[in-house]
Structure formats: structure tokens, C-alpha cells
Protein backbone atom coordinates (compact mmCIF):
# COMPACT_ATOMS: atom_id res chain seq x y z
CA UNK A 1 52.86 2.56 1.28
CA UNK A 2 52.08 5.42 -1.08
CA UNK A 3 54.60 7.76 -2.58
CA UNK A 4 54.19 11.52 -2.24
CA UNK A 5 53.10 11.76 -5.87
CA UNK A 6 50.44 9.06 -5.35
CA UNK A 7 49.14 10.78 -2.21
CA UNK A 8 48.82 14.09 -4.06
CA UNK A 9 47.08 12.37 -6.97
CA UNK A 10 44.66 10.52 -4.67
CA UNK A 11 43.99 13.72 -2.74
CA UNK A 12 43.12 15.59 -5.97
CA UNK A 13 40.93 12.73 -7.19
CA UNK A 14 39.10 12.56 -3.85
CA UNK A 15 38.37 16.29 -3.81
CA UNK A 16 37.11 16.18 -7.40
CA UNK A 17 34.85 13.26 -6.53
CA UNK A 18 33.65 14.90 -3.32
CA UNK A 19 32.90 18.17 -5.13
CA UNK A 20 30.98 16.43 -7.93
CA UNK A 21 28.90 14.07 -5.82
CA UNK A 22 25.30 15.18 -5.30
CA UNK A 23 24.58 16.86 -2.01
CA UNK A 24 22.62 14.78 0.45
CA UNK A 25 19.13 16.17 0.74
CA UNK A 26 18.31 17.05 4.32
CA UNK A 27 14.72 16.21 5.15
CA UNK A 28 12.89 18.45 7.56
CA UNK A 29 11.32 16.32 10.31
CA UNK A 30 8.34 18.68 10.45
CA UNK A 31 7.70 18.65 6.70
CA UNK A 32 4.47 16.70 7.18
CA UNK A 33 2.94 19.77 8.82
CA UNK A 34 2.79 21.51 5.45
CA UNK A 35 0.75 18.61 4.09
CA UNK A 36 -1.91 18.96 6.79
CA UNK A 37 -1.98 22.60 7.88
CA UNK A 38 -5.12 22.26 10.00
CA UNK A 39 -7.89 24.83 9.92
CA UNK A 40 -7.92 28.57 9.35
CA UNK A 41 -9.10 31.23 11.79
CA UNK A 42 -12.15 31.78 9.63
CA UNK A 43 -13.05 28.10 9.91
CA UNK A 44 -12.56 28.22 13.68
CA UNK A 45 -15.04 31.09 13.89
CA UNK A 46 -17.44 29.13 11.66
CA UNK A 47 -17.34 25.96 13.83
CA UNK A 48 -20.30 26.78 16.10
CA UNK A 49 -22.50 27.52 13.07
CA UNK A 50 -21.43 24.63 10.82
CA UNK A 51 -21.92 21.11 12.24
CA UNK A 52 -20.40 19.45 9.16
CA UNK A 53 -17.20 21.49 9.50
CA UNK A 54 -17.11 20.73 13.23
CA UNK A 55 -17.38 16.99 12.49
CA UNK A 56 -14.53 17.23 9.95
CA UNK A 57 -12.32 19.12 12.40
CA UNK A 58 -13.00 16.56 15.13
CA UNK A 59 -12.20 13.74 12.69
CA UNK A 60 -8.88 15.40 11.77
CA UNK A 61 -8.13 15.83 15.47
CA UNK A 62 -8.74 12.15 16.14
CA UNK A 63 -6.55 11.13 13.17
CA UNK A 64 -3.71 13.33 14.40
CA UNK A 65 -4.08 11.96 17.91
CA UNK A 66 -3.99 8.40 16.55
CA UNK A 67 -0.78 9.13 14.59
CA UNK A 68 0.81 10.73 17.66
CA UNK A 69 -0.24 7.76 19.79
CA UNK A 70 1.36 5.32 17.30
CA UNK A 71 4.62 7.28 17.23
CA UNK A 72 4.77 7.55 21.01
CA UNK A 73 4.11 3.83 21.49
CA UNK A 74 6.81 3.02 18.88
CA UNK A 75 9.25 5.01 21.04
CA UNK A 76 8.09 3.26 24.21
CA UNK A 77 6.28 6.30 25.62
CA UNK A 78 2.75 5.87 26.88
CA UNK A 79 0.47 8.65 25.63
CA UNK A 80 -1.44 11.00 27.88
CA UNK A 81 -5.24 10.67 28.15
CA UNK A 82 -7.30 12.58 25.59
CA UNK A 83 -10.01 14.95 26.75
CA UNK A 84 -12.50 15.84 24.05
CA UNK A 85 -14.58 19.00 24.07
CA UNK A 86 -17.68 17.13 25.26
CA UNK A 87 -15.84 15.75 28.29
CA UNK A 88 -14.37 19.15 29.18
CA UNK A 89 -17.72 20.89 28.84
CA UNK A 90 -19.44 18.39 31.15
């Protein structure tokens, strides 16, 4: 059992501690998007003329799809089939 004086003292100490403790940093779940922003509109317009850029974009797309597939399988969700441009154009 605590006395009233002890409760007041503990309450003051707790609030001092709580005020001084560092704030927990909230991490944005979509922060990784800033690290890989994709391609610009200018690059999209350049794709038909630049085969090297097109190959890089397709490689990035496959990497993103692989990461998404891994995350979905880790959650127990089966991914949807992937249709690439060549298959859609056919």
C-alpha cells in the first residue's frame, strides 16, 4: 500500500520520465517507394525509341513483381498471374 504522498511523488516521477523519454519514431510503411520512384514521364515517352531504357524498365518491373510475390506468399496469399507487354500485344 502506498501513502498519498508516495502516490503523488510516483505520479510526478512518472510524468517527468514519460516527458523526457524519446518519442518512438513511427515508420511509414510506404517509405520504400521514395527509394525506388520508378520512371519519369519523359522516360516513358522515350521507351519506344530507347531499347536499353526499355530493358531497364522491364527489369525493374520484374524485380518489383518478385518482391510483391515474396510478400504475398509470406502472408499466405497466392499472387495473380503476370501478363507482360509481349503477351498482351500478341
